[in-house]
Amino acid sequence: MGVTLTGTIRDFCAPSIGTTCTRLTDFEGAIPGLTTGMVASTLTGGLPTAGGAIVTGGSTVANFAKWYVDSTGFNLSTPTSLSLSEGPAGTFSYSSSAFFPIDGLLYGNQGNPHNYHFTMHLEGLLSFSDPTLGADKIFTFTGDDDLWIFVDGKLVMDLGGVHGAVSGSFTEEDLKLLGLTAATSYDLDIFFAERHTSESNFAITTTLEIAPPVDVPEPGTLLLAGSALLALLSGRRRRA
């Protein structure tokens, strides 16, 4: 058994490719090291926004606004997924010391051994049990470069900046301090960026309960389904 998170990867060019795409200085630029405070403490419209340390972390407000949305001339996007395996029971994990999920895709490797310049947004659901007053459940991450995790739209892990592999964690006690309660499912949003050669590490281990995101039909899909149902019922009434 395992669980699969889904989301979107966006590839950024570095260097620029003629008239196809323009390199942002965020990618293959400065190496500021671990920088907290690059993003605000809550999501806006489901996405992170720049915080006070955005420039220190090697970006700008305008550039960062392009990281996790489709931006013509700056990035290309594709759906992605990441599967966490279970073992031992109740512990879910994924680990890669060569995390290059779009090698040869989108803008391509641009002469490098791997495609090093991309962002990723993964989505799922997170809940926790609370068997004692202590911290029994934990979520840990180790990797590079930027990594921000939000639960219920609230920042719970802040590992921004271009840096070597670093680790962070949070427990159900940390979630309770944010006002979250046990046995309740909350949105889990993981925002990652790989911005510089030559390594890409990505590792998650958690004993918190993780589930795939719930698919909500687009409004147009619901309208079409409703119209089809009304037509079916109308036909039945005429035949009757």
Protein backbone atom coordinates (compact mmCIF):
# COMPACT_ATOMS: atom_id res chain seq x y z
CA MET A 1 0.00 0.00 0.00
CA GLY A 2 1.05 3.57 -0.59
CA VAL A 3 -0.29 7.00 -1.43
CA THR A 4 0.16 9.18 -4.51
CA LEU A 5 0.29 12.95 -4.44
CA THR A 6 -0.47 14.78 -7.69
CA GLY A 7 0.33 18.20 -9.05
CA THR A 8 2.26 20.17 -11.65
CA ILE A 9 5.90 20.61 -12.65
CA ARG A 10 7.01 23.79 -14.43
CA ASP A 11 10.26 23.90 -16.36
CA PHE A 12 12.28 27.12 -16.56
CA CYS A 13 14.99 27.78 -19.11
CA ALA A 14 18.56 28.52 -18.09
CA PRO A 15 20.03 29.97 -20.23
CA SER A 16 17.41 31.69 -22.39
CA ILE A 17 16.46 29.88 -25.60
CA GLY A 18 16.23 32.40 -28.45
CA THR A 19 12.67 33.68 -28.67
CA THR A 20 11.28 30.53 -27.00
CA CYS A 21 11.85 31.41 -23.35
CA THR A 22 13.56 33.99 -21.17
CA ARG A 23 15.69 32.92 -18.22
CA LEU A 24 14.76 34.28 -14.83
CA THR A 25 17.79 35.24 -12.73
CA ASP A 26 16.36 32.96 -10.00
CA PHE A 27 17.54 29.90 -11.97
CA GLU A 28 21.26 29.15 -12.27
CA GLY A 29 21.88 32.43 -10.46
CA ALA A 30 23.06 33.26 -6.95
CA ILE A 31 23.55 30.62 -4.25
CA PRO A 32 22.35 32.36 -1.07
CA GLY A 33 22.10 29.22 1.07
CA LEU A 34 19.17 28.33 3.32
CA THR A 35 16.89 31.37 3.53
CA THR A 36 13.75 31.44 5.64
CA GLY A 37 11.08 34.08 5.19
CA MET A 38 10.99 34.04 1.39
CA VAL A 39 7.24 33.34 1.44
CA ALA A 40 4.30 34.65 3.45
CA SER A 41 2.93 32.47 6.25
CA THR A 42 -0.37 31.74 4.49
CA LEU A 43 -1.39 30.86 0.95
CA THR A 44 -3.25 33.35 -1.21
CA GLY A 45 -5.58 31.80 -3.75
CA GLY A 46 -3.95 28.45 -3.08
CA LEU A 47 -0.45 29.70 -3.90
CA PRO A 48 2.52 31.10 -1.93
CA THR A 49 3.34 34.79 -2.20
CA ALA A 50 6.67 36.53 -1.73
CA GLY A 51 7.78 37.32 1.81
CA GLY A 52 10.25 39.81 3.19
CA ALA A 53 13.35 37.71 2.43
CA ILE A 54 12.51 37.06 -1.23
CA VAL A 55 15.48 39.08 -2.55
CA THR A 56 17.88 37.58 0.00
CA GLY A 57 16.80 34.16 -1.26
CA GLY A 58 17.80 34.99 -4.83
CA SER A 59 14.47 36.02 -6.37
CA THR A 60 12.20 39.05 -6.70
CA VAL A 61 8.49 39.60 -6.09
CA ALA A 62 7.84 39.75 -9.84
CA ASN A 63 9.91 36.66 -10.61
CA PHE A 64 8.49 34.59 -7.78
CA ALA A 65 4.97 35.29 -9.02
CA LYS A 66 5.84 33.16 -12.08
CA TRP A 67 7.14 30.10 -10.21
CA TYR A 68 3.90 28.20 -9.63
CA VAL A 69 1.65 29.45 -12.44
CA ASP A 70 1.88 29.01 -16.20
CA SER A 71 3.88 31.98 -17.50
CA THR A 72 4.17 32.21 -21.27
CA GLY A 73 7.76 32.72 -22.38
CA PHE A 74 9.15 31.80 -18.97
CA ASN A 75 8.01 28.24 -18.24
CA LEU A 76 6.30 25.14 -19.60
CA SER A 77 4.19 22.84 -17.42
CA THR A 78 3.17 19.20 -17.23
CA PRO A 79 1.13 17.14 -14.72
CA THR A 80 3.14 15.05 -12.28
CA SER A 81 2.71 12.63 -9.41
CA LEU A 82 4.82 11.30 -6.56
CA SER A 83 4.12 7.99 -4.82
CA LEU A 84 5.03 7.41 -1.18
CA SER A 85 5.51 3.76 -0.23
CA GLU A 86 4.31 2.34 3.08
CA GLY A 87 6.70 0.44 5.27
CA PRO A 88 6.70 -0.20 8.14
CA ALA A 89 2.94 0.04 8.64
CA GLY A 90 1.84 3.62 9.15
CA THR A 91 5.07 5.11 7.79
CA PHE A 92 5.08 6.54 4.27
CA SER A 93 8.24 7.57 2.45
CA TYR A 94 9.85 8.61 -0.81
CA SER A 95 13.55 9.24 -1.32
CA SER A 96 15.72 10.21 -4.29
CA SER A 97 19.25 11.61 -4.35
CA ALA A 98 18.87 12.26 -8.09
CA PHE A 99 15.45 13.89 -8.34
CA PHE A 100 15.20 14.87 -12.00
CA PRO A 101 11.61 14.04 -13.05
CA ILE A 102 11.65 16.01 -16.33
CA ASP A 103 14.98 15.00 -17.86
CA GLY A 104 14.77 15.51 -21.61
CA LEU A 105 11.28 17.03 -21.40
CA LEU A 106 9.76 20.49 -21.94
CA TYR A 107 12.75 22.82 -22.46
CA GLY A 108 15.08 19.83 -22.16
CA ASN A 109 18.43 19.52 -20.39
CA GLN A 110 20.00 22.46 -22.27
CA GLY A 111 23.39 20.77 -22.53
CA ASN A 112 23.41 19.61 -18.90
CA PRO A 113 23.37 16.00 -17.68
CA HIS A 114 19.89 16.66 -16.22
CA ASN A 115 17.07 19.19 -16.40
CA TYR A 116 18.01 21.20 -13.31
CA HIS A 117 15.61 24.14 -13.43
CA PHE A 118 12.01 23.48 -12.41
CA THR A 119 9.37 24.03 -9.76
CA MET A 120 6.84 21.51 -8.47
CA HIS A 121 3.53 21.83 -6.63
CA LEU A 122 2.17 18.63 -5.09
CA GLU A 123 -1.26 18.37 -3.48
CA GLY A 124 -2.88 15.93 -1.08
CA LEU A 125 -4.72 15.65 2.20
CA LEU A 126 -3.20 15.40 5.67
CA SER A 127 -4.71 14.40 9.00
CA PHE A 128 -3.37 13.25 12.33
CA SER A 129 -4.30 11.19 15.35
CA ASP A 130 -3.35 12.42 18.81
CA PRO A 131 -2.78 9.43 21.10
CA THR A 132 -0.90 11.33 23.83
CA LEU A 133 0.09 14.87 24.79
CA GLY A 134 3.52 14.31 23.26
CA ALA A 135 4.69 14.53 19.65
CA ASP A 136 3.90 11.04 18.34
CA LYS A 137 3.47 11.76 14.63
CA ILE A 138 6.04 13.48 12.43
CA PHE A 139 6.66 14.67 8.87
CA THR A 140 10.30 15.06 7.79
CA PHE A 141 11.83 16.35 4.57
CA THR A 142 15.42 16.43 3.33
CA GLY A 143 16.38 18.06 0.07
CA ASP A 144 17.44 20.98 -2.09
CA ASP A 145 16.64 23.63 -3.16
CA ASP A 146 13.57 25.58 -1.95
CA LEU A 147 10.85 23.66 -0.09
CA TRP A 148 7.73 25.07 1.53
CA ILE A 149 4.93 22.97 3.00
CA PHE A 150 1.50 24.35 3.87
CA VAL A 151 -1.26 22.54 5.77
CA ASP A 152 -4.71 24.13 5.64
CA GLY A 153 -3.04 27.06 3.89
CA LYS A 154 -0.64 27.66 6.80
CA LEU A 155 3.15 27.46 6.49
CA VAL A 156 4.55 24.53 8.48
CA MET A 157 7.99 24.08 6.85
CA ASP A 158 10.25 26.80 5.47
CA LEU A 159 13.45 25.68 3.71
CA GLY A 160 13.81 28.38 1.07
CA GLY A 161 16.90 29.40 -0.86
CA VAL A 162 19.44 27.71 -3.14
CA HIS A 163 21.33 25.35 -0.86
CA GLY A 164 22.65 21.84 -0.37
CA ALA A 165 20.42 19.17 1.13
CA VAL A 166 18.93 20.31 4.44
CA SER A 167 16.25 18.79 6.67
CA GLY A 168 13.11 20.04 8.38
CA SER A 169 10.19 18.51 10.24
CA PHE A 170 6.87 19.18 11.95
CA THR A 171 4.66 17.13 14.25
CA GLU A 172 1.00 16.96 15.17
CA GLU A 173 1.81 19.18 18.15
CA ASP A 174 3.02 21.87 15.74
CA LEU A 175 -0.22 21.52 13.77
CA LYS A 176 -2.28 21.87 16.96
CA LEU A 177 -0.49 25.15 17.72
CA LEU A 178 -1.85 26.42 14.38
CA GLY A 179 -5.38 25.62 15.52
CA LEU A 180 -5.74 22.32 13.63
CA THR A 181 -7.53 19.40 15.25
CA ALA A 182 -7.12 15.62 15.21
CA ALA A 183 -9.18 13.35 12.95
CA THR A 184 -9.77 16.16 10.42
CA SER A 185 -8.51 16.19 6.83
CA TYR A 186 -6.66 19.33 5.74
CA ASP A 187 -5.25 20.41 2.39
CA LEU A 188 -1.56 19.56 2.04
CA ASP A 189 0.44 21.71 -0.41
CA ILE A 190 4.11 21.04 -1.12
CA PHE A 191 6.00 23.67 -3.13
CA PHE A 192 9.47 22.70 -4.34
CA ALA A 193 12.04 24.37 -6.59
CA GLU A 194 15.22 23.00 -8.14
CA ARG A 195 17.17 26.08 -9.21
CA HIS A 196 20.83 25.25 -9.69
CA THR A 197 23.26 22.61 -10.85
CA SER A 198 24.40 20.10 -9.89
CA GLU A 199 22.38 18.13 -7.28
CA SER A 200 18.70 17.51 -6.61
CA ASN A 201 17.64 15.66 -3.48
CA PHE A 202 14.05 15.01 -2.42
CA ALA A 203 13.10 12.78 0.51
CA ILE A 204 9.92 12.55 2.60
CA THR A 205 9.16 10.32 5.59
CA THR A 206 5.93 10.72 7.55
CA THR A 207 3.80 8.96 10.12
CA LEU A 208 1.05 11.56 9.72
CA GLU A 209 -1.90 10.32 7.69
CA ILE A 210 -1.55 11.25 4.01
CA ALA A 211 -4.18 10.82 1.29
CA PRO A 212 -4.49 11.82 -2.39
CA PRO A 213 -6.32 15.07 -3.17
CA VAL A 214 -10.06 14.91 -3.76
CA ASP A 215 -10.94 15.49 -7.41
CA VAL A 216 -13.60 18.19 -7.69
CA PRO A 217 -15.33 18.30 -11.11
CA GLU A 218 -14.94 21.53 -13.06
CA PRO A 219 -18.15 23.65 -13.14
CA GLY A 220 -18.50 22.99 -16.87
CA THR A 221 -18.34 19.26 -16.26
CA LEU A 222 -21.06 19.49 -13.64
CA LEU A 223 -23.22 21.55 -16.04
CA LEU A 224 -22.83 18.99 -18.82
CA ALA A 225 -23.62 16.12 -16.47
CA GLY A 226 -26.70 17.94 -15.21
CA SER A 227 -27.89 18.66 -18.75
CA ALA A 228 -27.46 15.03 -19.74
CA LEU A 229 -29.43 13.89 -16.70
CA LEU A 230 -32.27 16.32 -17.46
CA ALA A 231 -32.39 15.13 -21.08
CA LEU A 232 -32.53 11.52 -19.93
CA LEU A 233 -35.36 12.20 -17.49
CA SER A 234 -37.27 14.22 -20.13
CA GLY A 235 -36.98 11.34 -22.59
CA ARG A 236 -38.27 8.90 -20.02
CA ARG A 237 -41.27 11.12 -19.28
CA ARG A 238 -42.13 11.39 -22.99
CA ARG A 239 -41.92 7.64 -23.42
CA ALA A 240 -44.15 7.17 -20.37
